[in-house]
Each structure stands twice: as structure tokens, then as C-alpha cells.
Amino acid sequence: MRVLHVNKYLYRRGGAESYMFDLADLQRQAGHEVDFFGMTHPDNEAQRLAHHFPRQVELEPPPSTALGKASAVARMIWSSSSRRGLAHVLDEVQPDVVHLHNIYHQLSPSILAATSEFGVPTVMTLHDYKLACPSYQMLDHGKVCSACIERGPLQAARHRCKDGALAPSVVLAAESWLHRRMGAYDGVDAFICPSRFLAGTMAAAGVYPGRMHVINHFVDVTGVPVRLSAGSGFAFAGRLSSEKGVDTLITALSAVPEAHLTVVGDGPQRAALEAQAADVAPGRVRFLGRLDRQGVLGVLRRSRAAVVPSRWNENQPMVVLEALASGVPVVTTDLGGLSELIDHGSDGLVVPADDPRALSAALRTMHDEPGRSVEMGARGRQKVERQFSADRHLGQVSHLYATIAHEPKSRRAALHPVEL
């Protein structure tokens, strides 16, 4: 099978890109031919089709000139260069399926005009809430919000969800509203949702509810050794930003004076978090900055538990699966898809979000009961091997490809959603 993966960035920028490249590796190992389409970027991995890519555009920060801003907004709505480029690639590669990932803004859904023109079966993995929430995260000034789910994307402008500013919020709201009016994503035959929560959110927002298919992410346990002891201290790995709740974690840690915390990652809150840790838990919080995957796995294996204290509706963060794959239990909150990953009391603990007292109690339990931590971690590893294996994921995705490929184009939209 010839598979074409499409993503605006073609380097390991974040979770979406890492997932795409890891899936592509699995597909190549299984004998499939794989190619990529995205925008030009100096950090991209070398691509044989790069001469067809649309030019690079960066939107964070936005262009400084009025003309640049107008051009960027036009490209967000409909990118003719992306459509032309993908049409050339489709003609050259003749893929059996096109698998979309993050195409918003820099590529735009204009590329779906090309896939529809060529009649290529098209799948899209949803890595966030963008199709239901213009600002991606279902947050209103740091608080969980469902306004756009219940009343439509123009609520993002009313609530000023983009950086608390009216102008960028209006742009995002208008983009989403126009795309819905245009049926811009009608050309996607099936959407892959890594969590039931994400699929339910899309259905509640009226976003193609009949085309949502729940397929969990995967973690390749090959070469991932299991922790042999209970470890010590706690570990957090992720972006250091408000929605991740690391400030709540540090507050909770302050009430467990014997425990320490290792923080992996970087982000806009790092300085504030370092100051908070020095104030309430001096000498007990280490900030390591960004590490590669092996470095993160090493930190996880040495810990008593991984902690994911998010105060937003996480989809299916890879750090949870990688902790479980390492035989490390996870303490997490009850938002989004997190509670789908952890069985409370079996392979981790689930607490209310933004509740330092409840989180502190969970940390205390893990700290005081090393034997229980080992047992939970062992059950977590078994779960990953059973439910989140690479082979299982590849089989599920391949089954979905085959299902839509064998349906006439006129009938693909009528496929019933499945949880594989």
C-alpha cells in the first residue's frame, strides 16, 4: 500500500509529528511505501517531494506588516499553493490513502479539494480539539470551557480566547465558522480520535459525528526496559505552561516534605515555576529542561510515579503511555482522556484537577507505599502490551484504511463509526 502522510511540519516538533513519524516507521517495516507532504521548513527531515511543498509561513508571532497579516489570514482560510502542491504530489505518487495530521493554518483544508479531485481515500488523525474549538484547547482564560462545543465557534471571539485579545480571537473564530459553512473538511472520509473523550466532544459539537473512529495511540515497548525497583521521588515531563498544572504539583509536593520532583521540559512558565519551587519546596525540585526520548524514559524509570496534573482536557498524552511502558504508575487528573488511560487504584491514581490537597494525598500514598508502586507499575506495563502495542495500532489503522478504500466515494461518509 502507498501511504501519503500530510502535516504542516515534517520534523519532530511535538506529539503530532512524533506520532506521524513513528506510525510511518511501523508502516515501512510492514512493507508499505510511505511519503510525506508539508510546507517547506529549514528543520524538515529531507523529503523527496519537497519541490512541491508550499513556502514556509510562521504565525507565532504573527507577521508584523498589514500586508503580511492579510496574506497569513488568507492562507489560513484557503491556501491555493498547498492545494496545487498536493495535486502535483498525488499525480506523481498515486497513493492508496492520504493520512492527514495537523494541517490547520499553514496548509489549510484547501488540500482536501485535491484529494477529492483525485478520489483518494482520506483519513485524518485529530491531535487536538481544533475542529470544535478554534483555540484548540477548550480553555477560556485558563479555565475549562465548552462554549464553542455548545454554541458554535464564534464564541471564541466573544470570550477572546486567543491570548485574551479581540483581533486574533476574531480571526480564529471566523476561520472555523467559514470552514464549517464551506464544508471544508467534507473530504475527510474518516477521523481517528485517540480517546473516547475527543470523539464525544466532536460529536457534541456536531463535527462529523458519523465519521469518528476511536483508535488509541501506541507505544513501542521494544527496547523500553521495565523499572526493577520502586524508584524514588516523582517525575513530570511536558510543556511548562499554565494548562499543565505544574504549579499545582509543586504546591502539593510542598506538603510531602520527604519527597522530591524532577521536571523535564521547558516553556513560558519555567521561571515562575522555578521561583515557586525555591519558595515552597527548596532543594526538592530539579528542572532538567528538554531531553530526548531516552532521557525522558530514564527519568521516568527512576521515579516512584509519573505525575500528569493537567487542568485542561488532555487528549491522550504520550508521557502516560511511556510511563506505563516503563513499569511506572501515573498520578493524574480526571479531565479529558486521562481517566481513560489510568485505572484508579490499579495502575495509578486519578484525582480532581486543580486540587492540591487531593494531589498531595495521592503523592503521599505513592511515597509511603513503594511495594504498591511496583505492583501498579507492573500492571501498567501489562496494560500497554495488551491495549497500546505497536502491532495492535498498526492493525487498527490498516483496517480503517482498507475499509474506506473498498467503499465507493459516494458511500464513505455513511460508514458507521467504530471503536477498534
Foldseek 3Di string as FASTA:
>chain_A
DEEEEEAAAAAPPDDQNVLVVVLVVVCVVVPYHYAYAHADDPRHDDHPLRVLHHHDDDVVPHDDDPVRNVVQLVQQQANPSLLRSLLVVCVVRVGQEYEYEHCGRNNHLNVLVSCVVVVHAYEYEYQFQCLQELVGFCDQVLARHCCSLQPNLLVQLVSVRPVNDNVVSNSSSVSSVVCVVVVSVVSHLAYEAQFPLSLVSCVSSVNLNQRYAHFHAFDALVVQAAQPFLAFAEEEEDEPDSQQCVLLVLLLVLVVLVHAYEYEAYYDCVVVSVVSCCVRHNPRYHYDHHDPPVVLSVVLSNYNAYERQGNTARRHDVSCLSSLLRLFAYEYEDHHRPCVLDDDQQQYHYYHHPDSNRVSVRVVVSNVCSVSRNRSSVVSSVCNVVRRHSVVSSVVVVVVSVVQSPDRPVCSSVHGYYHD
